[in-house]
Protein backbone atom coordinates (compact mmCIF):
# COMPACT_ATOMS: atom_id res chain seq x y z
CA MET A 1 12.56 41.60 0.87
CA MET A 2 12.69 40.26 -2.42
CA PHE A 3 16.60 40.11 -2.49
CA TYR A 4 16.26 38.27 0.55
CA MET A 5 13.87 35.56 -0.89
CA THR A 6 16.21 35.03 -4.01
CA LEU A 7 18.75 34.96 -1.79
CA LEU A 8 17.04 32.10 0.15
CA LEU A 9 15.88 30.30 -2.97
CA LEU A 10 19.59 30.26 -4.41
CA VAL A 11 20.73 28.75 -1.00
CA TRP A 12 18.14 26.04 -0.85
CA SER A 13 17.54 25.02 -4.41
CA PRO A 14 20.90 23.19 -4.80
CA SER A 15 20.42 21.21 -1.57
CA GLN A 16 17.19 20.04 -2.78
CA ALA A 17 18.42 19.39 -6.41
CA GLN A 18 21.22 17.27 -4.54
CA LYS A 19 18.42 15.27 -2.56
CA ASP A 20 16.47 14.30 -5.65
CA ALA A 21 19.82 13.77 -7.53
CA PHE A 22 21.30 11.40 -5.10
CA LEU A 23 19.00 8.19 -5.62
CA ASN A 24 19.64 8.68 -9.50
CA ASP A 25 23.59 8.75 -8.63
CA LEU A 26 23.07 5.67 -6.44
CA LEU A 27 21.19 3.53 -9.25
CA LYS A 28 23.78 4.85 -11.62
CA LYS A 29 26.57 2.90 -9.41
CA ASN A 30 25.25 -0.30 -10.53
CA PRO A 31 24.59 -0.40 -14.34
CA GLU A 32 24.23 -4.10 -14.41
CA LEU A 33 21.32 -4.15 -12.23
CA PHE A 34 19.31 -0.62 -13.73
CA ARG A 35 20.87 -0.13 -17.06
CA PRO A 36 17.67 -0.51 -18.78
CA ILE A 37 15.50 1.28 -16.57
CA LEU A 38 18.10 4.41 -16.10
CA GLU A 39 17.89 4.42 -20.05
CA ASN A 40 14.41 4.79 -20.57
CA PRO A 41 12.59 5.65 -17.07
CA ALA A 42 9.72 7.26 -18.52
CA LYS A 43 8.83 3.79 -20.50
CA TYR A 44 8.90 2.34 -17.31
CA ASP A 45 7.11 4.61 -15.09
CA VAL A 46 9.48 4.53 -12.34
CA GLN A 47 8.95 6.37 -9.23
CA ILE A 48 10.96 6.06 -6.05
CA LEU A 49 10.58 7.24 -2.69
CA TYR A 50 13.30 6.22 0.25
CA THR A 51 13.43 7.83 3.50
CA GLN A 52 15.86 7.67 5.71
CA ILE A 53 15.52 7.58 9.36
CA ASN A 54 17.97 9.00 12.33
CA ARG A 55 17.56 8.63 16.05
CA ASP A 56 18.48 11.00 18.87
CA ALA A 57 19.77 9.98 22.16
CA GLN A 58 16.29 9.74 23.36
CA ASN A 59 15.36 7.37 20.10
CA ASN A 60 12.99 9.99 18.56
CA PRO A 61 13.44 9.73 14.94
CA THR A 62 14.04 12.17 11.99
CA PHE A 63 13.13 11.83 8.50
CA ARG A 64 14.76 12.75 5.33
CA THR A 65 13.32 11.76 1.87
CA TYR A 66 14.70 11.33 -1.83
CA ARG A 67 13.18 11.13 -4.57
CA TYR A 68 13.20 9.61 -8.00
CA ARG A 69 10.83 11.03 -10.96
CA VAL A 70 8.29 11.12 -7.97
CA ASP A 71 5.00 13.06 -9.33
CA LYS A 72 1.54 12.54 -7.84
CA ASP A 73 0.33 13.97 -11.34
CA ARG A 74 1.74 11.12 -13.06
CA TYR A 75 -0.86 8.22 -12.72
CA PHE A 76 -0.20 4.90 -11.81
CA TYR A 77 -2.62 2.41 -11.21
CA PRO A 78 -2.17 1.38 -7.16
CA ALA A 79 -3.60 -2.04 -7.43
CA SER A 80 -3.73 -3.49 -4.08
CA THR A 81 -2.05 -0.57 -2.10
CA VAL A 82 -5.70 1.03 -1.77
CA LYS A 83 -6.20 -2.20 0.73
CA PHE A 84 -4.22 -0.34 2.99
CA PRO A 85 -6.38 2.80 3.65
CA ALA A 86 -9.26 0.27 3.82
CA VAL A 87 -7.71 -1.57 6.87
CA LEU A 88 -6.90 1.62 8.82
CA LEU A 89 -10.38 3.03 8.27
CA ALA A 90 -12.34 -0.11 8.99
CA LEU A 91 -10.37 -0.26 12.17
CA GLU A 92 -10.98 3.57 12.97
CA LYS A 93 -14.99 2.94 12.31
CA LEU A 94 -15.11 0.30 15.02
CA ASN A 95 -13.39 2.30 17.28
CA GLU A 96 -15.91 4.96 16.81
CA LEU A 97 -18.96 2.37 17.34
CA LYS A 98 -17.21 0.85 20.05
CA LEU A 99 -17.00 -2.75 18.80
CA ASP A 100 -14.19 -4.96 19.00
CA PRO A 101 -12.89 -5.84 15.45
CA ALA A 102 -13.46 -9.33 16.43
CA THR A 103 -17.04 -8.71 16.48
CA PRO A 104 -18.87 -11.00 13.73
CA MET A 105 -19.69 -9.47 10.76
CA LEU A 106 -22.18 -10.49 8.44
CA THR A 107 -22.56 -8.93 4.94
CA ASP A 108 -26.00 -9.30 3.07
CA SER A 109 -26.64 -8.26 -0.50
CA ALA A 110 -29.38 -5.80 -1.48
CA GLY A 111 -28.38 -4.78 -4.89
CA HIS A 112 -27.35 -6.36 -8.42
CA ARG A 113 -24.16 -8.38 -8.16
CA GLN A 114 -23.58 -7.82 -4.46
CA THR A 115 -23.09 -11.17 -2.75
CA ALA A 116 -23.73 -11.82 1.02
CA VAL A 117 -21.27 -13.51 3.57
CA ARG A 118 -22.66 -15.49 6.58
CA SER A 119 -19.39 -17.33 7.29
CA ASP A 120 -15.74 -17.50 6.87
CA PRO A 121 -14.12 -20.96 7.43
CA THR A 122 -10.93 -19.42 7.45
CA SER A 123 -11.14 -17.81 10.94
CA PRO A 124 -10.80 -19.49 14.26
CA ASN A 125 -14.65 -19.33 15.13
CA GLY A 126 -15.88 -19.64 11.26
CA LEU A 127 -17.51 -16.24 11.11
CA PRO A 128 -16.07 -13.25 9.24
CA SER A 129 -14.80 -9.96 11.13
CA VAL A 130 -13.11 -6.97 10.59
CA ALA A 131 -10.07 -8.24 12.06
CA HIS A 132 -9.83 -11.49 10.29
CA TYR A 133 -10.41 -9.39 6.67
CA ALA A 134 -7.61 -7.05 7.85
CA LYS A 135 -5.36 -10.09 8.79
CA LYS A 136 -5.92 -11.39 4.87
CA ILE A 137 -5.31 -8.54 3.40
CA LEU A 138 -2.13 -7.49 4.89
CA LEU A 139 -1.11 -11.08 5.15
CA VAL A 140 -1.90 -12.18 1.31
CA SER A 141 -3.68 -9.21 -0.16
CA ASP A 142 -6.80 -10.99 -0.24
CA ASN A 143 -9.53 -9.14 -2.83
CA ASP A 144 -12.67 -10.06 -1.32
CA ALA A 145 -11.67 -9.10 2.20
CA PHE A 146 -10.77 -5.58 0.59
CA ASN A 147 -14.43 -5.61 -1.18
CA ARG A 148 -16.01 -6.37 2.42
CA LEU A 149 -13.98 -3.54 4.03
CA TYR A 150 -14.96 -1.48 1.01
CA GLU A 151 -18.68 -1.92 1.58
CA LEU A 152 -18.36 -1.50 5.28
CA MET A 153 -17.42 2.13 4.64
CA GLY A 154 -19.23 2.62 1.80
CA GLN A 155 -17.57 5.08 -1.26
CA CYS A 156 -18.29 8.37 -0.02
CA ASP A 157 -17.31 7.96 3.67
CA MET A 158 -14.09 6.26 2.86
CA ASN A 159 -12.42 8.98 0.23
CA GLU A 160 -14.25 11.70 2.67
CA ARG A 161 -12.60 10.86 5.94
CA LEU A 162 -9.00 10.30 4.04
CA TYR A 163 -9.63 13.71 2.52
CA ASP A 164 -10.45 15.28 6.13
CA LYS A 165 -7.23 13.71 7.16
CA GLY A 166 -5.05 15.75 4.71
CA TYR A 167 -4.83 12.57 2.12
CA LYS A 168 -5.71 14.48 -1.02
CA ASN A 169 -3.74 12.78 -4.03
CA LEU A 170 -6.10 9.44 -3.79
CA ARG A 171 -9.46 8.27 -4.62
CA ILE A 172 -10.82 4.74 -3.74
CA VAL A 173 -14.05 4.25 -6.14
CA HIS A 174 -14.09 0.31 -7.01
CA ARG A 175 -13.98 -2.80 -5.69
CA LEU A 176 -11.29 -5.28 -7.00
CA GLU A 177 -11.64 -8.25 -9.17
CA VAL A 178 -15.58 -8.65 -9.57
CA GLY A 179 -16.00 -6.11 -12.64
CA MET A 180 -18.75 -4.11 -11.25
CA ASN A 181 -19.61 -0.74 -13.33
CA ARG A 182 -19.62 2.67 -11.48
CA GLU A 183 -23.07 2.75 -10.21
CA GLN A 184 -22.87 -0.74 -8.74
CA ASN A 185 -19.69 0.55 -6.82
CA ARG A 186 -21.45 3.59 -5.79
CA ARG A 187 -24.03 1.05 -3.74
CA THR A 188 -22.47 -0.77 -1.07
CA ASN A 189 -23.78 -4.02 0.99
CA PRO A 190 -25.79 -4.05 4.01
CA VAL A 191 -23.56 -4.89 7.11
CA ARG A 192 -24.41 -6.31 10.63
CA PHE A 193 -22.36 -6.80 13.50
CA VAL A 194 -24.02 -9.86 15.34
CA GLU A 195 -22.57 -11.34 18.91
CA ASN A 196 -24.47 -14.14 20.37
CA GLY A 197 -27.36 -13.61 18.13
CA LYS A 198 -27.89 -10.06 19.01
CA VAL A 199 -27.30 -7.12 16.56
CA LEU A 200 -24.93 -4.91 18.03
CA TYR A 201 -24.94 -2.58 15.18
CA GLN A 202 -26.79 -2.45 11.65
CA GLN A 203 -25.90 -0.66 8.49
CA PRO A 204 -28.21 -0.29 5.62
CA MET A 205 -27.28 -0.32 2.01
CA GLN A 206 -25.52 3.04 1.28
CA VAL A 207 -25.17 5.13 -2.14
CA CYS A 208 -22.60 7.04 -2.54
CA GLY A 209 -24.32 10.68 -4.22
CA LYS A 210 -20.58 12.12 -5.22
CA THR A 211 -18.34 11.19 -8.17
CA TYR A 212 -14.74 10.80 -7.78
CA ARG A 213 -12.98 10.63 -10.82
CA SER A 214 -9.87 12.49 -12.46
CA GLU A 215 -10.51 15.86 -13.84
CA THR A 216 -8.55 15.22 -16.74
CA PRO A 217 -8.73 11.75 -18.74
CA ILE A 218 -6.08 9.04 -18.10
CA ARG A 219 -5.40 6.37 -20.83
CA ARG A 220 -2.39 4.45 -21.60
CA GLY A 221 -1.00 2.23 -24.14
CA ILE A 222 -2.15 1.28 -27.37
CA GLY A 223 -4.58 -1.41 -27.11
CA PHE A 224 -6.74 -3.66 -24.46
CA MET A 225 -8.46 -6.93 -24.62
CA ARG A 226 -12.21 -7.29 -23.78
CA ASN A 227 -13.53 -10.50 -23.47
CA ASP A 228 -11.36 -12.55 -26.52
CA SER A 229 -11.38 -9.08 -28.78
CA LEU A 230 -8.34 -6.61 -29.09
CA ILE A 231 -9.41 -2.87 -29.00
CA ARG A 232 -6.49 -0.87 -30.31
CA GLN A 233 -6.94 2.53 -28.27
CA PRO A 234 -5.87 3.35 -25.37
CA PHE A 235 -7.13 1.54 -21.98
CA ASP A 236 -9.16 4.23 -19.64
CA PHE A 237 -7.87 4.68 -16.18
CA THR A 238 -9.93 7.89 -15.46
CA GLU A 239 -12.59 6.39 -13.12
CA ARG A 240 -10.15 3.97 -11.77
CA ASN A 241 -8.62 3.89 -8.32
CA TYR A 242 -5.95 6.40 -7.61
CA PHE A 243 -2.95 6.13 -4.63
CA ALA A 244 -0.13 8.59 -5.17
CA LEU A 245 3.17 7.30 -3.98
CA GLU A 246 3.89 9.68 -1.76
CA GLU A 247 0.70 9.81 0.11
CA GLN A 248 1.47 5.89 0.58
CA GLN A 249 4.41 6.41 2.32
CA ASP A 250 3.04 9.34 4.29
CA MET A 251 0.11 6.90 5.52
CA LEU A 252 2.55 4.38 6.51
CA ARG A 253 4.65 6.69 8.52
CA ALA A 254 1.36 7.67 10.06
CA VAL A 255 0.92 4.20 11.22
CA LEU A 256 4.34 3.61 12.02
CA PHE A 257 5.63 6.64 13.74
CA PRO A 258 1.97 8.31 14.42
CA GLU A 259 4.03 10.71 16.74
CA SER A 260 5.83 12.25 14.15
CA VAL A 261 3.00 13.37 11.76
CA PRO A 262 0.23 16.10 12.61
CA PRO A 263 -2.81 14.86 14.62
CA ARG A 264 -4.73 15.52 11.79
CA GLN A 265 -3.11 12.95 9.66
CA ARG A 266 -3.06 10.32 12.31
CA PHE A 267 -5.68 7.14 12.93
CA ASN A 268 -7.87 6.99 15.52
CA LEU A 269 -6.16 3.39 16.72
CA THR A 270 -5.94 1.76 20.18
CA SER A 271 -2.39 0.46 21.25
CA MET A 272 -3.56 -2.98 20.73
CA GLU A 273 -4.66 -2.02 17.02
CA TYR A 274 -1.23 -0.65 16.45
CA ASP A 275 0.24 -3.94 17.67
CA PHE A 276 -2.07 -6.13 15.40
CA LEU A 277 -1.03 -3.83 12.53
CA TYR A 278 2.60 -4.19 12.77
CA ARG A 279 2.32 -8.18 13.33
CA TYR A 280 0.46 -8.78 10.32
CA MET A 281 2.35 -6.23 8.06
CA SER A 282 5.35 -8.02 8.80
CA GLU A 283 3.96 -11.64 9.24
CA PHE A 284 5.00 -14.11 6.53
CA PRO A 285 2.01 -16.58 5.33
CA ARG A 286 4.10 -19.52 6.46
CA GLU A 287 3.54 -17.93 10.11
CA SER A 288 -0.27 -17.84 10.28
CA THR A 289 -2.39 -20.72 11.87
CA PHE A 290 -5.93 -18.79 10.68
CA PRO A 291 -5.82 -19.00 7.73
CA LYS A 292 -3.21 -21.83 7.20
CA TYR A 293 -1.40 -21.04 4.23
CA ASP A 294 0.38 -23.45 2.05
CA THR A 295 3.70 -23.42 0.26
CA THR A 296 2.01 -21.55 -2.55
CA TYR A 297 2.71 -18.35 -0.34
CA TYR A 298 6.04 -17.86 0.22
CA ASP A 299 7.74 -15.30 2.06
CA SER A 300 8.06 -12.94 -0.53
CA TYR A 301 4.73 -13.56 -1.78
CA CYS A 302 3.82 -10.15 -0.90
CA LYS A 303 7.39 -8.48 0.03
CA PHE A 304 8.91 -7.11 -3.48
CA LEU A 305 11.59 -5.04 -2.20
CA LEU A 306 15.04 -6.98 -1.11
CA THR A 307 13.43 -10.81 -2.49
CA GLY A 308 10.91 -10.34 -4.59
CA ASP A 309 12.70 -12.04 -7.47
CA ASN A 310 13.04 -15.44 -5.44
CA LYS A 311 11.44 -17.59 -3.15
CA LYS A 312 13.96 -18.06 -0.44
CA SER A 313 13.08 -17.76 3.17
CA PHE A 314 13.78 -14.25 4.67
CA PRO A 315 16.78 -13.92 7.40
CA LYS A 316 15.25 -14.26 10.86
CA ASN A 317 17.05 -10.58 11.54
CA VAL A 318 15.09 -8.83 8.57
CA ARG A 319 11.44 -7.68 8.70
CA ILE A 320 9.38 -6.00 6.23
CA PHE A 321 6.23 -3.93 7.25
CA ASN A 322 4.61 -3.19 3.82
CA LYS A 323 1.69 -3.23 1.37
CA VAL A 324 2.38 -4.36 -2.19
CA GLY A 325 0.13 -3.84 -5.26
CA ASP A 326 0.31 -5.68 -8.80
CA ALA A 327 -1.94 -4.91 -11.89
CA TYR A 328 -2.12 -4.32 -15.32
CA GLY A 329 1.86 -4.17 -15.52
CA TYR A 330 2.32 -1.89 -12.22
CA LEU A 331 4.08 -3.31 -9.08
CA ILE A 332 4.51 -1.60 -6.43
CA ASP A 333 5.77 -1.84 -3.14
CA ASN A 334 5.48 0.70 0.22
CA ALA A 335 7.58 -0.49 2.60
CA TYR A 336 9.39 0.01 6.08
CA ILE A 337 12.26 -2.55 6.16
CA VAL A 338 14.44 -3.17 9.73
CA ASP A 339 17.54 -5.58 10.40
CA PHE A 340 17.00 -6.01 14.13
CA GLU A 341 20.55 -7.07 14.74
CA ARG A 342 22.39 -4.49 12.41
CA GLY A 343 20.46 -1.69 13.86
CA VAL A 344 19.10 -0.67 10.28
CA GLU A 345 15.69 1.03 9.38
CA PHE A 346 14.43 2.74 6.15
CA MET A 347 11.60 3.59 4.54
CA LEU A 348 11.20 2.66 0.60
CA ALA A 349 8.62 3.02 -1.80
CA ALA A 350 8.68 2.20 -5.46
CA VAL A 351 6.75 1.65 -8.51
CA ILE A 352 7.14 0.28 -11.86
CA HIS A 353 5.43 -0.55 -15.05
CA CYS A 354 6.01 -3.63 -17.29
CA ASN A 355 4.16 -4.15 -20.29
CA GLU A 356 6.20 -4.20 -23.24
CA ASP A 357 3.45 -4.70 -25.68
CA GLY A 358 1.49 -1.81 -24.43
CA ILE A 359 -1.65 -4.05 -24.32
CA PHE A 360 -3.53 -4.10 -21.05
CA ASN A 361 -6.04 -7.03 -20.06
CA ASP A 362 -3.75 -9.17 -21.98
CA ASN A 363 -1.86 -10.73 -19.01
CA LYS A 364 1.47 -10.32 -20.83
CA TYR A 365 3.33 -8.45 -18.41
CA GLU A 366 7.06 -8.57 -17.40
CA TYR A 367 6.86 -9.00 -13.77
CA ASP A 368 9.57 -11.79 -13.44
CA THR A 369 11.94 -10.50 -15.99
CA ILE A 370 11.93 -6.41 -15.22
CA GLY A 371 9.41 -5.65 -12.65
CA MET A 372 10.45 -7.79 -9.56
CA PRO A 373 14.14 -8.04 -10.41
CA PHE A 374 14.13 -4.37 -10.63
CA LEU A 375 12.26 -4.01 -6.98
CA ALA A 376 14.43 -6.65 -5.49
CA ASN A 377 17.61 -4.87 -6.54
CA LEU A 378 16.57 -1.51 -5.28
CA GLY A 379 15.88 -3.10 -2.08
CA ARG A 380 19.13 -4.55 -1.65
CA VAL A 381 21.31 -1.69 -2.94
CA ILE A 382 19.43 0.59 -0.64
CA TYR A 383 19.80 -2.04 2.06
CA ASP A 384 23.17 -2.26 1.73
CA TYR A 385 23.86 1.45 1.71
CA GLU A 386 21.80 1.72 5.11
CA VAL A 387 24.46 -0.77 6.65
CA LYS A 388 27.26 1.03 5.53
CA ARG A 389 25.56 4.64 6.68
CA ARG A 390 26.90 5.99 9.63
CA ARG A 391 24.81 6.86 12.55
CA ALA A 392 24.99 9.10 15.65
CA PHE A 393 22.44 6.81 17.62
CA LYS A 394 21.62 3.12 16.92
CA PRO A 395 17.76 2.83 16.80
CA ASP A 396 16.02 1.08 19.69
CA LEU A 397 13.73 -1.25 17.36
CA ARG A 398 12.09 -2.86 20.16
CA LYS A 399 8.75 -1.19 19.40
CA PHE A 400 8.38 -3.60 16.20
CA MET A 401 9.48 -6.84 17.55
CA VAL A 402 6.38 -8.67 17.65
CA LYS A 403 5.36 -12.32 18.41
CA TYR A 404 4.31 -14.19 15.58
CA GLU A 405 1.97 -17.43 15.34
């Protein structure tokens, strides 16, 4: 038995090593695009997941994933990527409550620094709802919209639901941009769902009794800004949100290809909600009527791969279903990219850290000079490879052809 297991490892290991080396070799073929990163990948904290999708004669997909420096234990700040599970869980919760996602959701306040929301002038009826919050998150990564869904779910329920589904390498423990402390983030606002003056569901303020934090300290850089003062010590991420890259791509796959993952990992969503997600994950801000966005929100505003380094309009045949994040010098994109004309589809997730001076909170990050060019070039190199890659069967992608406003 020992001989057989040893032989099995010898047979398996080279194949796995080749898969892990594939992306490294592909990047090396384009030194003019990736040389600074390849020379010091640890400095830029780069991680890449590229998943090929192949179809059989019945259009059933199979997946083959290639990795570059992927490590769930090497922390990066996930920024707005945590908004994606918040959207999924909020939709799932309303299904359990038998409430339409468009039902007006009124947020009250019951604690220090909590704020209420009774209206939303960007929605068709002037009222906030889970559907409209989700739409704003997927279109332009709206921070307040995420905070309201975080308050609907509550810290404990949000994390425990994800853990129960098998998504273990994450924690979502704070709102975004509002600067609340740990105790304030444990407490989430009361909410009411009201229609025509009738309260359909009411939830009091929730207080999470558990503590979600890293078991070991997470400190980065050489200093950080606090107000106008430079604190010369590493910035502490120990109690910040966490969302491993593999977990991000797994969750995206569970939404796009739910039949390909175990039932436990799926989300309890209706066919209409899947259509809703596919639409707003891939829609450009200029295609939205409510809210109506100006030209500040160009096509690649929340699409870093392929065109994150420019503001040109996307070609009509290409769509990206994704969720990005950017904060503290970290840039992340977790995407499913399709070209309907050429029959191309693949999944690509990547993170890069752009903070040359090692100082956090100083708003001096090399997004435009290092991060965005890296992600855009990475997307283009993989896309070009996919265009040339031979497939036994051309994929039928009509499932992802949705109507936009």
